[in-house]
N, C-alpha and C. Protein backbone atom coordinates (compact mmCIF):
# COMPACT_ATOMS: atom_id res chain seq x y z
N VAL A 1 5.76 1.66 11.11
CA VAL A 1 5.31 0.38 10.20
C VAL A 1 3.83 0.12 11.27
N TYR A 2 2.71 0.08 11.49
CA TYR A 2 2.07 -0.78 12.38
C TYR A 2 0.85 -1.48 11.82
N THR A 3 -0.07 -2.21 12.94
CA THR A 3 -1.23 -2.91 12.69
C THR A 3 -2.21 -2.50 13.49
N PHE A 4 -3.54 -2.75 13.44
CA PHE A 4 -4.36 -2.33 14.58
C PHE A 4 -4.95 -3.80 14.93
N ALA A 5 -4.87 -3.76 16.41
CA ALA A 5 -4.90 -5.11 16.96
C ALA A 5 -6.30 -4.45 17.95
N ALA A 6 -6.68 -5.50 18.77
CA ALA A 6 -7.50 -5.43 19.60
C ALA A 6 -7.80 -6.78 20.72
N ASP A 7 -7.91 -6.23 21.99
CA ASP A 7 -8.43 -7.61 23.55
C ASP A 7 -9.05 -6.84 23.88
N ASP A 8 -9.15 -7.54 25.10
CA ASP A 8 -10.42 -7.14 26.17
C ASP A 8 -10.98 -6.03 26.18
N ARG A 9 -9.84 -5.35 26.41
CA ARG A 9 -9.50 -3.87 26.54
C ARG A 9 -10.05 -2.88 25.28
N GLY A 10 -9.63 -3.37 24.16
CA GLY A 10 -9.96 -2.28 23.26
C GLY A 10 -9.27 -2.20 21.94
N LEU A 11 -9.11 -1.74 21.24
CA LEU A 11 -7.93 -1.46 19.98
C LEU A 11 -7.52 -0.33 20.33
N TYR A 12 -6.00 -1.08 19.84
CA TYR A 12 -4.69 -0.42 20.21
C TYR A 12 -4.05 -0.71 19.07
N ILE A 13 -3.15 0.29 18.87
CA ILE A 13 -1.98 0.46 17.51
C ILE A 13 -1.11 -0.67 17.62
N GLN A 14 -0.15 -1.26 16.98
CA GLN A 14 1.17 -2.13 16.94
C GLN A 14 1.76 -2.14 16.61
N ARG A 15 3.32 -2.00 16.62
CA ARG A 15 4.30 -1.62 15.76
C ARG A 15 4.54 -3.10 15.44
N MET A 16 5.19 -2.79 13.68
CA MET A 16 5.43 -3.95 13.31
C MET A 16 6.97 -4.09 12.74
N SER A 17 7.26 -5.23 13.27
CA SER A 17 8.62 -5.26 12.77
C SER A 17 8.65 -6.24 11.48
N LEU A 18 9.46 -5.60 10.08
CA LEU A 18 9.29 -6.23 9.23
C LEU A 18 10.77 -6.69 8.79
N LEU A 19 11.34 -7.83 9.10
CA LEU A 19 12.62 -8.35 8.21
C LEU A 19 12.25 -8.90 6.95
N THR A 20 13.75 -7.78 6.51
CA THR A 20 13.65 -7.76 5.44
C THR A 20 15.89 -7.98 4.96
N ASP A 21 15.56 -8.43 3.71
CA ASP A 21 16.80 -7.51 3.27
C ASP A 21 17.22 -6.32 2.99
N THR A 22 18.37 -5.66 3.00
CA THR A 22 18.59 -4.36 2.99
C THR A 22 17.99 -3.74 1.44
N LEU A 23 16.85 -3.08 1.25
CA LEU A 23 16.14 -2.89 -0.14
C LEU A 23 16.94 -1.77 -0.86
N ILE A 24 16.84 -1.93 -2.25
CA ILE A 24 17.79 -1.35 -3.17
C ILE A 24 17.10 -1.04 -4.26
N GLU A 25 16.97 -0.01 -4.96
CA GLU A 25 16.00 0.89 -5.63
C GLU A 25 16.74 -0.03 -7.14
N LEU A 26 16.04 -0.71 -8.22
CA LEU A 26 16.51 -1.54 -9.09
C LEU A 26 16.06 -0.58 -10.37
N ASP A 27 16.98 -1.32 -11.40
CA ASP A 27 16.61 -0.53 -12.70
C ASP A 27 15.51 -1.23 -13.58
N ASP A 28 14.09 -1.26 -12.41
CA ASP A 28 13.45 -2.13 -12.98
C ASP A 28 11.81 -1.15 -13.24
N THR A 29 11.59 -1.37 -14.68
CA THR A 29 10.92 0.19 -14.94
C THR A 29 9.46 -0.14 -14.22
N ALA A 30 8.57 -1.15 -14.06
CA ALA A 30 7.67 -1.01 -13.07
C ALA A 30 7.55 -0.25 -11.88
N SER A 31 8.86 -0.86 -11.18
CA SER A 31 8.84 -0.49 -9.65
C SER A 31 9.52 1.21 -9.93
N ILE A 32 10.23 1.74 -10.85
CA ILE A 32 10.31 3.01 -10.62
C ILE A 32 9.71 3.81 -11.02
N CYS A 33 8.45 3.23 -12.43
CA CYS A 33 7.23 3.94 -12.31
C CYS A 33 5.99 4.05 -11.07
N VAL A 34 6.44 3.11 -10.47
CA VAL A 34 5.39 3.10 -8.91
C VAL A 34 6.10 4.31 -8.09
N LEU A 35 7.45 4.20 -8.07
CA LEU A 35 8.13 4.85 -6.71
C LEU A 35 8.07 6.26 -7.04
N ASP A 36 8.13 6.28 -8.63
CA ASP A 36 8.03 8.10 -9.39
C ASP A 36 6.65 8.60 -9.11
N GLY A 37 5.66 7.84 -8.84
CA GLY A 37 3.87 7.92 -9.14
C GLY A 37 3.72 8.44 -7.74
N ILE A 38 4.42 7.54 -6.80
CA ILE A 38 3.94 7.97 -5.38
C ILE A 38 4.79 9.13 -4.57
N ARG A 39 6.10 9.53 -5.31
CA ARG A 39 6.47 10.62 -4.93
C ARG A 39 5.82 12.15 -5.28
N THR A 40 5.24 11.80 -7.00
CA THR A 40 4.58 13.07 -7.51
C THR A 40 3.38 12.75 -6.56
N PHE A 41 2.75 11.92 -6.44
CA PHE A 41 1.78 12.20 -5.53
C PHE A 41 1.81 12.92 -4.79
N TRP A 42 2.77 12.31 -3.54
CA TRP A 42 2.96 13.09 -2.42
C TRP A 42 3.38 14.61 -2.27
N ALA A 43 3.65 15.36 -3.36
CA ALA A 43 4.11 16.50 -3.71
C ALA A 43 2.62 17.61 -4.50
N SER A 44 1.53 16.83 -4.70
CA SER A 44 0.35 16.89 -5.33
C SER A 44 -0.72 17.86 -4.67
N GLU A 45 -0.64 17.86 -3.51
CA GLU A 45 -2.04 18.09 -2.69
C GLU A 45 -2.92 19.18 -2.67
N LYS A 46 -1.90 20.18 -3.01
CA LYS A 46 -2.62 21.28 -3.63
C LYS A 46 -3.80 21.24 -4.89
N GLU A 47 -3.00 20.42 -6.02
CA GLU A 47 -4.09 20.00 -6.95
C GLU A 47 -5.31 19.29 -6.66
N TYR A 48 -5.23 18.05 -5.77
CA TYR A 48 -6.52 17.24 -5.10
C TYR A 48 -7.40 18.66 -4.21
N THR A 49 -6.35 19.13 -3.55
CA THR A 49 -7.89 20.24 -3.17
C THR A 49 -8.20 21.34 -3.34
N LEU A 50 -7.74 21.89 -4.59
CA LEU A 50 -7.96 22.73 -5.66
C LEU A 50 -9.31 22.30 -6.27
N ARG A 51 -9.29 21.02 -6.74
CA ARG A 51 -10.67 20.17 -7.53
C ARG A 51 -11.41 19.41 -7.01
N GLY A 52 -11.38 19.80 -5.01
CA GLY A 52 -12.62 19.16 -4.85
C GLY A 52 -12.53 17.35 -4.65
N ILE A 53 -11.53 16.92 -5.04
CA ILE A 53 -10.96 15.42 -4.97
C ILE A 53 -10.19 15.06 -3.61
N VAL A 54 -10.73 13.33 -2.46
CA VAL A 54 -10.39 13.38 -1.86
C VAL A 54 -8.66 13.09 -2.10
N TYR A 55 -7.64 13.58 -1.68
CA TYR A 55 -6.69 13.58 -1.47
C TYR A 55 -6.09 11.86 -1.08
N LYS A 56 -6.02 11.19 -1.98
CA LYS A 56 -5.64 9.98 -1.94
C LYS A 56 -4.93 9.53 -3.63
N ARG A 57 -4.76 8.19 -3.52
CA ARG A 57 -4.44 7.38 -4.44
C ARG A 57 -4.60 5.65 -4.07
N GLY A 58 -4.46 4.55 -5.27
CA GLY A 58 -4.77 3.70 -5.05
C GLY A 58 -3.85 2.61 -6.00
N ILE A 59 -3.08 2.13 -5.24
CA ILE A 59 -2.85 1.18 -6.84
C ILE A 59 -2.51 -0.58 -6.16
N LEU A 60 -3.11 -0.95 -7.34
CA LEU A 60 -2.99 -2.61 -7.02
C LEU A 60 -1.93 -2.84 -7.78
N LEU A 61 -0.81 -3.91 -7.07
CA LEU A 61 0.21 -4.17 -7.88
C LEU A 61 -0.06 -5.99 -7.62
N TRP A 62 0.10 -6.25 -9.08
CA TRP A 62 -0.14 -7.71 -9.27
C TRP A 62 0.96 -8.47 -10.02
N GLY A 63 1.46 -9.27 -10.22
CA GLY A 63 2.16 -10.56 -10.96
C GLY A 63 2.51 -11.73 -9.93
N PRO A 64 3.30 -12.55 -10.34
CA PRO A 64 3.44 -14.29 -9.80
C PRO A 64 4.46 -14.06 -8.63
N ALA A 65 3.95 -14.88 -7.52
CA ALA A 65 4.72 -14.68 -6.83
C ALA A 65 6.53 -14.67 -7.12
N GLY A 66 7.01 -13.58 -6.10
CA GLY A 66 8.55 -13.72 -6.09
C GLY A 66 8.99 -12.84 -6.87
N SER A 67 7.99 -12.05 -7.58
CA SER A 67 8.10 -10.79 -8.41
C SER A 67 9.15 -9.65 -8.18
N GLY A 68 8.81 -9.31 -6.65
CA GLY A 68 9.15 -8.06 -5.44
C GLY A 68 8.17 -6.93 -5.40
N LYS A 69 7.21 -7.72 -5.03
CA LYS A 69 5.52 -6.88 -4.86
C LYS A 69 6.09 -6.03 -3.46
N THR A 70 6.05 -7.07 -2.56
CA THR A 70 6.38 -7.28 -1.38
C THR A 70 7.36 -6.10 -0.99
N ALA A 71 8.50 -6.37 -1.75
CA ALA A 71 9.77 -5.71 -1.43
C ALA A 71 9.48 -4.00 -1.60
N LEU A 72 9.04 -4.31 -2.90
CA LEU A 72 8.34 -2.73 -3.32
C LEU A 72 7.48 -2.03 -2.42
N ILE A 73 6.22 -2.40 -1.93
CA ILE A 73 5.92 -2.37 -0.82
C ILE A 73 6.85 -1.43 -0.18
N LEU A 74 7.65 -2.65 0.94
CA LEU A 74 8.77 -1.97 1.72
C LEU A 74 9.59 -0.80 1.40
N GLN A 75 9.89 -0.78 0.22
CA GLN A 75 10.66 0.50 -0.11
C GLN A 75 9.64 1.49 -0.25
N LEU A 76 8.55 1.48 -0.42
CA LEU A 76 7.30 2.86 -0.33
C LEU A 76 7.04 3.12 1.06
N SER A 77 7.00 1.93 1.80
CA SER A 77 7.01 2.28 3.25
C SER A 77 8.13 2.75 3.63
N GLN A 78 9.17 2.59 3.78
CA GLN A 78 10.58 3.05 4.42
C GLN A 78 10.50 4.84 3.85
N GLU A 79 10.46 4.89 2.59
CA GLU A 79 10.02 6.40 2.45
C GLU A 79 9.11 7.14 2.72
N LEU A 80 7.76 6.24 3.03
CA LEU A 80 7.00 7.56 3.67
C LEU A 80 7.20 7.68 5.27
N VAL A 81 8.05 7.01 5.46
CA VAL A 81 8.36 6.46 6.84
C VAL A 81 9.27 7.94 7.48
N ARG A 82 10.31 7.79 6.27
CA ARG A 82 11.15 9.22 6.51
C ARG A 82 10.96 10.34 6.16
N ARG A 83 9.50 10.30 5.73
CA ARG A 83 9.24 11.56 5.27
C ARG A 83 8.13 11.80 6.68
N GLY A 84 8.23 11.35 7.83
CA GLY A 84 6.98 11.34 8.91
C GLY A 84 6.07 11.23 8.86
N GLY A 85 5.80 9.92 7.81
CA GLY A 85 4.35 9.72 7.64
C GLY A 85 4.04 7.98 8.42
N ILE A 86 3.13 7.67 8.33
CA ILE A 86 2.63 6.29 8.76
C ILE A 86 2.78 5.34 8.29
N VAL A 87 2.38 4.16 8.05
CA VAL A 87 2.47 2.75 7.21
C VAL A 87 0.92 1.99 7.88
N ILE A 88 0.05 1.89 7.56
CA ILE A 88 -0.47 0.69 8.45
C ILE A 88 -1.01 -0.49 7.69
N TRP A 89 -0.84 -1.74 8.41
CA TRP A 89 -0.73 -2.86 7.47
C TRP A 89 -2.31 -3.42 7.34
N CYS A 90 -3.10 -3.50 7.02
CA CYS A 90 -4.67 -3.81 7.09
C CYS A 90 -4.24 -5.68 7.22
N ASN A 91 -4.71 -5.81 8.34
CA ASN A 91 -4.51 -7.37 8.80
C ASN A 91 -6.29 -7.47 8.97
N SER A 92 -7.00 -6.47 9.15
CA SER A 92 -8.65 -6.54 9.55
C SER A 92 -9.21 -5.56 8.83
N PRO A 93 -10.07 -5.52 8.08
CA PRO A 93 -10.72 -4.39 7.49
C PRO A 93 -11.38 -3.71 8.31
N GLU A 94 -12.37 -4.28 9.93
CA GLU A 94 -12.89 -3.89 10.35
C GLU A 94 -12.05 -3.20 11.53
N ARG A 95 -11.15 -3.54 11.83
CA ARG A 95 -10.27 -3.09 13.03
C ARG A 95 -9.39 -1.69 12.76
N THR A 96 -8.92 -1.71 11.00
CA THR A 96 -8.34 -0.85 10.21
C THR A 96 -9.35 0.14 9.89
N ALA A 97 -10.29 0.01 9.64
CA ALA A 97 -11.12 1.29 9.57
C ALA A 97 -11.53 2.04 11.12
N GLU A 98 -11.79 0.71 12.08
CA GLU A 98 -11.75 1.77 13.28
C GLU A 98 -10.39 2.21 13.97
N GLY A 99 -9.27 1.80 13.71
CA GLY A 99 -8.06 2.42 13.92
C GLY A 99 -7.73 4.34 13.14
N LEU A 100 -7.89 3.81 11.61
CA LEU A 100 -7.73 4.77 11.10
C LEU A 100 -8.98 6.06 11.44
N SER A 101 -10.22 5.90 11.70
CA SER A 101 -10.79 6.87 12.18
C SER A 101 -10.44 7.47 13.33
N VAL A 102 -9.72 6.58 14.32
CA VAL A 102 -9.07 7.06 15.62
C VAL A 102 -7.99 8.28 15.22
N LEU A 103 -7.32 7.26 14.30
CA LEU A 103 -5.88 8.04 14.66
C LEU A 103 -6.27 9.20 13.41
N ARG A 104 -7.20 9.52 12.33
CA ARG A 104 -7.79 11.07 11.72
C ARG A 104 -7.77 12.07 12.59
N ARG A 105 -8.50 11.38 14.08
CA ARG A 105 -8.83 12.27 14.85
C ARG A 105 -7.01 13.14 15.64
N ILE A 106 -6.40 12.13 15.59
CA ILE A 106 -5.67 12.24 16.11
C ILE A 106 -4.43 13.16 15.30
N GLU A 107 -3.93 12.59 14.44
CA GLU A 107 -3.26 13.03 13.52
C GLU A 107 -3.83 13.45 12.05
N PRO A 108 -4.46 14.46 11.86
CA PRO A 108 -5.24 14.59 10.58
C PRO A 108 -4.42 15.15 9.47
N LEU A 109 -3.66 15.37 9.54
CA LEU A 109 -2.65 15.67 8.11
C LEU A 109 -1.25 14.63 7.72
N ARG A 110 -1.25 14.31 9.00
CA ARG A 110 -0.18 12.86 8.41
C ARG A 110 -0.21 11.84 7.18
N PRO A 111 0.54 11.97 6.06
CA PRO A 111 0.21 11.03 5.45
C PRO A 111 0.28 9.26 5.68
N LEU A 112 -0.21 8.90 5.14
CA LEU A 112 -0.40 7.14 5.65
C LEU A 112 -0.66 6.30 3.92
N ILE A 113 0.24 5.28 4.41
CA ILE A 113 0.25 4.15 3.27
C ILE A 113 -0.80 3.17 4.01
N VAL A 114 -1.85 2.41 2.96
CA VAL A 114 -2.55 1.37 4.39
C VAL A 114 -2.20 0.38 2.90
N ILE A 115 -1.54 -0.67 3.48
CA ILE A 115 -1.07 -2.06 2.69
C ILE A 115 -2.47 -3.28 2.98
N PHE A 116 -2.96 -3.28 1.73
CA PHE A 116 -3.64 -4.52 1.85
C PHE A 116 -2.86 -6.07 0.91
N GLU A 117 -2.07 -5.96 1.48
CA GLU A 117 -0.80 -7.56 0.84
C GLU A 117 -1.84 -8.60 0.50
N ASP A 118 -1.83 -8.99 -0.05
CA ASP A 118 -2.62 -10.34 -0.64
C ASP A 118 -3.84 -10.39 -0.56
N ILE A 119 -4.46 -9.07 -1.40
CA ILE A 119 -6.28 -8.57 -1.03
C ILE A 119 -7.16 -9.68 -1.34
N GLU A 120 -6.84 -10.55 -2.03
CA GLU A 120 -7.77 -11.82 -2.25
C GLU A 120 -7.77 -12.76 -1.08
N GLU A 121 -6.81 -12.93 -0.48
CA GLU A 121 -6.92 -13.13 0.94
C GLU A 121 -7.92 -12.82 2.02
N LEU A 122 -7.97 -11.15 1.89
CA LEU A 122 -8.52 -10.47 2.57
C LEU A 122 -10.31 -10.27 2.56
N ILE A 123 -10.47 -10.28 1.15
CA ILE A 123 -11.35 -10.60 0.51
C ILE A 123 -12.15 -11.68 1.15
N ARG A 124 -11.51 -12.74 1.05
CA ARG A 124 -11.97 -14.19 1.06
C ARG A 124 -12.37 -14.33 2.74
N ASN A 125 -11.62 -13.85 3.32
CA ASN A 125 -11.95 -14.10 4.74
C ASN A 125 -12.98 -13.24 5.17
N TYR A 126 -13.23 -11.50 5.04
CA TYR A 126 -13.69 -10.65 5.68
C TYR A 126 -14.53 -9.96 4.97
N GLY A 127 -14.63 -10.36 3.21
CA GLY A 127 -15.75 -10.01 2.59
C GLY A 127 -15.25 -8.87 1.88
N GLU A 128 -16.16 -8.72 0.47
CA GLU A 128 -15.48 -7.28 -0.11
C GLU A 128 -16.29 -6.31 0.21
N HIS A 129 -17.35 -6.03 0.70
CA HIS A 129 -17.96 -4.86 1.25
C HIS A 129 -16.70 -4.35 2.30
N LYS A 130 -16.47 -4.73 3.27
CA LYS A 130 -15.39 -4.31 3.72
C LYS A 130 -14.08 -3.75 3.50
N ILE A 131 -14.14 -3.99 2.31
CA ILE A 131 -12.77 -3.89 1.81
C ILE A 131 -12.88 -2.25 1.03
N LEU A 132 -14.18 -2.21 0.38
CA LEU A 132 -14.77 -1.34 -0.54
C LEU A 132 -15.12 -0.14 0.52
N ALA A 133 -15.36 -0.17 1.41
CA ALA A 133 -15.67 0.61 2.37
C ALA A 133 -14.45 1.16 2.89
N LEU A 134 -13.38 0.63 3.18
CA LEU A 134 -12.03 1.46 3.54
C LEU A 134 -11.56 2.35 1.95
N LEU A 135 -11.72 1.69 0.78
CA LEU A 135 -11.01 1.73 0.19
C LEU A 135 -11.83 3.44 -0.80
N ASP A 136 -13.24 3.27 -0.75
CA ASP A 136 -13.51 4.72 -1.52
C ASP A 136 -15.33 4.80 -0.94
N GLY A 137 -15.65 3.78 -0.06
CA GLY A 137 -17.03 3.99 0.68
C GLY A 137 -16.76 5.09 2.11
N GLU A 138 -17.87 4.68 3.15
CA GLU A 138 -18.24 5.74 4.05
C GLU A 138 -16.85 5.63 5.26
N LEU A 139 -15.66 4.79 4.85
CA LEU A 139 -15.07 4.62 5.85
C LEU A 139 -13.54 4.81 5.27
N GLN A 140 -13.41 5.70 3.79
CA GLN A 140 -12.23 6.06 3.69
C GLN A 140 -11.80 7.41 3.84
N VAL A 141 -10.35 7.23 4.47
CA VAL A 141 -9.81 8.41 5.00
C VAL A 141 -9.20 9.27 3.75
N GLY A 142 -8.65 10.74 4.15
CA GLY A 142 -7.99 11.33 3.20
C GLY A 142 -6.26 11.29 3.13
N ASN A 143 -5.63 11.90 2.21
CA ASN A 143 -3.99 11.81 2.61
C ASN A 143 -3.76 10.34 2.86
N VAL A 144 -3.88 9.69 1.87
CA VAL A 144 -3.36 8.30 2.07
C VAL A 144 -2.95 7.60 0.76
N VAL A 145 -2.30 6.67 0.49
CA VAL A 145 -2.21 6.05 -0.50
C VAL A 145 -2.40 4.46 -0.21
N ASN A 146 -3.81 3.94 -0.95
CA ASN A 146 -3.49 2.59 -0.51
C ASN A 146 -3.19 1.59 -1.61
N ILE A 147 -2.27 0.50 -1.15
CA ILE A 147 -1.77 -0.26 -1.96
C ILE A 147 -2.40 -1.62 -1.78
N ALA A 148 -2.45 -2.63 -3.09
CA ALA A 148 -2.64 -3.48 -2.56
C ALA A 148 -1.80 -4.69 -3.25
N SER A 149 -1.28 -5.69 -3.17
CA SER A 149 -0.86 -6.51 -3.58
C SER A 149 -1.66 -7.86 -4.05
N SER A 150 -1.38 -8.69 -5.04
CA SER A 150 -1.86 -10.04 -5.31
C SER A 150 -0.88 -10.91 -6.12
N ASN A 151 -1.37 -12.24 -6.20
CA ASN A 151 -0.66 -13.26 -6.90
C ASN A 151 -1.40 -13.08 -8.52
N PHE A 152 -3.08 -13.06 -7.87
CA PHE A 152 -3.96 -13.53 -8.17
C PHE A 152 -5.55 -12.98 -8.83
N PRO A 153 -4.70 -11.88 -9.49
CA PRO A 153 -5.50 -10.66 -9.37
C PRO A 153 -7.13 -11.32 -10.16
N GLU A 154 -7.28 -12.46 -11.10
CA GLU A 154 -8.26 -13.15 -11.82
C GLU A 154 -9.53 -13.06 -10.80
N LEU A 155 -8.88 -13.88 -9.11
CA LEU A 155 -10.10 -13.54 -8.19
C LEU A 155 -10.80 -12.52 -7.76
N LEU A 156 -9.91 -11.58 -8.16
CA LEU A 156 -10.35 -10.10 -7.86
C LEU A 156 -11.98 -10.08 -8.57
N GLY A 157 -12.90 -9.12 -7.95
CA GLY A 157 -14.46 -9.08 -8.72
C GLY A 157 -13.79 -7.74 -9.05
N ALA A 158 -15.15 -7.23 -10.14
CA ALA A 158 -14.92 -6.00 -11.10
C ALA A 158 -15.19 -5.04 -10.15
N ARG A 159 -15.84 -5.10 -9.11
CA ARG A 159 -15.90 -3.93 -8.09
C ARG A 159 -14.70 -3.31 -7.76
N ILE A 160 -13.54 -4.62 -7.50
CA ILE A 160 -12.25 -3.79 -6.93
C ILE A 160 -11.76 -3.19 -8.07
N VAL A 161 -11.34 -4.25 -9.32
CA VAL A 161 -10.07 -3.80 -10.14
C VAL A 161 -10.66 -2.88 -11.38
N ASN A 162 -12.29 -2.45 -11.63
CA ASN A 162 -12.49 -1.56 -12.48
C ASN A 162 -13.22 -0.56 -12.07
N ARG A 163 -12.66 -0.17 -10.58
CA ARG A 163 -13.15 1.37 -10.38
C ARG A 163 -11.99 2.26 -9.81
N PRO A 164 -11.79 3.28 -10.84
CA PRO A 164 -10.59 3.83 -10.90
C PRO A 164 -10.60 4.64 -9.43
N SER A 165 -11.54 4.95 -8.78
CA SER A 165 -11.80 5.58 -7.28
C SER A 165 -11.15 4.41 -5.82
N ARG A 166 -11.11 3.22 -6.62
CA ARG A 166 -10.18 2.27 -5.72
C ARG A 166 -8.90 2.18 -5.83
N PHE A 167 -8.79 1.99 -7.28
CA PHE A 167 -7.45 1.40 -7.59
C PHE A 167 -7.22 2.11 -9.16
N ASP A 168 -6.83 3.32 -9.01
CA ASP A 168 -6.69 4.00 -10.03
C ASP A 168 -5.25 3.81 -11.28
N GLU A 169 -4.51 2.62 -10.40
CA GLU A 169 -3.51 2.04 -11.31
C GLU A 169 -3.48 1.12 -10.93
N ARG A 170 -3.28 -0.70 -11.81
CA ARG A 170 -3.07 -1.44 -11.89
C ARG A 170 -2.09 -1.98 -12.34
N ILE A 171 -0.93 -2.28 -11.63
CA ILE A 171 0.68 -2.78 -12.26
C ILE A 171 1.13 -3.99 -11.99
N LEU A 172 1.41 -4.27 -13.19
CA LEU A 172 1.79 -5.83 -13.24
C LEU A 172 3.28 -5.16 -13.12
N ILE A 173 3.43 -6.47 -11.63
CA ILE A 173 5.01 -6.29 -11.48
C ILE A 173 5.70 -7.66 -11.60
N GLY A 174 6.93 -7.93 -12.97
CA GLY A 174 6.57 -8.92 -13.42
C GLY A 174 8.13 -9.19 -12.76
N MET A 175 8.80 -10.50 -13.11
CA MET A 175 9.77 -11.11 -12.93
C MET A 175 11.03 -9.86 -13.07
N PRO A 176 12.00 -9.91 -12.25
CA PRO A 176 13.23 -8.70 -12.24
C PRO A 176 13.91 -9.37 -13.76
N SER A 177 14.12 -8.06 -14.61
CA SER A 177 15.08 -8.36 -15.33
C SER A 177 16.29 -8.72 -15.59
N GLY A 178 16.46 -9.32 -16.41
CA GLY A 178 18.41 -9.79 -16.29
C GLY A 178 19.09 -8.52 -16.17
N LYS A 179 18.80 -6.95 -16.14
CA LYS A 179 19.38 -6.35 -16.52
C LYS A 179 19.67 -6.11 -14.42
N ALA A 180 17.82 -5.97 -13.89
CA ALA A 180 17.52 -5.88 -12.23
C ALA A 180 18.32 -7.00 -11.57
N ARG A 181 18.59 -8.16 -12.22
CA ARG A 181 19.02 -9.26 -11.36
C ARG A 181 20.11 -9.01 -11.36
N LEU A 182 21.13 -8.79 -12.39
CA LEU A 182 22.84 -8.37 -12.25
C LEU A 182 22.88 -7.32 -11.30
N GLN A 183 22.37 -6.17 -11.45
CA GLN A 183 22.78 -5.24 -10.75
C GLN A 183 21.84 -5.45 -9.16
N TYR A 184 20.86 -6.75 -8.94
CA TYR A 184 21.19 -7.07 -7.20
C TYR A 184 22.01 -7.66 -6.77
N LEU A 185 22.91 -8.52 -7.59
CA LEU A 185 23.85 -9.65 -7.53
C LEU A 185 25.36 -8.85 -7.51
N LYS A 186 25.28 -7.88 -8.17
CA LYS A 186 26.65 -7.07 -8.00
C LYS A 186 26.79 -6.24 -6.37
N TRP A 187 25.25 -5.91 -6.33
CA TRP A 187 25.10 -5.06 -5.02
C TRP A 187 25.36 -5.83 -3.63
N ILE A 188 24.83 -7.14 -3.74
CA ILE A 188 24.96 -7.89 -2.56
C ILE A 188 26.05 -8.98 -2.46
N THR A 189 26.99 -8.87 -3.60
CA THR A 189 28.44 -9.18 -3.67
C THR A 189 29.68 -8.33 -3.71
N ARG A 190 29.04 -7.42 -3.53
CA ARG A 190 30.08 -6.04 -2.98
C ARG A 190 30.96 -6.33 -2.69
N LYS A 191 30.96 -6.89 -1.36
CA LYS A 191 32.69 -7.45 -0.59
C LYS A 191 33.16 -7.97 -0.26
């Protein structure tokens, strides 16, 4: 899991250390749907290629703070890393675009996940155009899943949420169900 950064010598890739509890797959409908959908996507490159479609997906996870969006993103990230892929955390759209261009020249076939956590903050700080260019504009790359999260989807413009080429799925991640909470409590108190 990396992010792109820059200093006076230029762009570089920086490893991120993400501190988290051990992640477990809960019996939660939305999370299972996302995980299964991504697994299906990684197995279907030939279908995209045959149809002449850029091999990419876009998923916007939205819901209240504390509902598990980041935990789900981390689960997807861990799974891709186990498959030999790379996860890029977008902290700056410009640096991410430049870094992805270089990365694709070095690693043209390696699967990628690009994370836009709290996308409304990125848009507010950097502007919508730069995000759009990364998602499906002149700066897009293939063999990628773009995953964005938002606590406030109502702050996102129609150009972000209403274009399937940017986010073909918009999934509500609600608070965990009673069954999922019980499963989690049993797991953390197992000893």
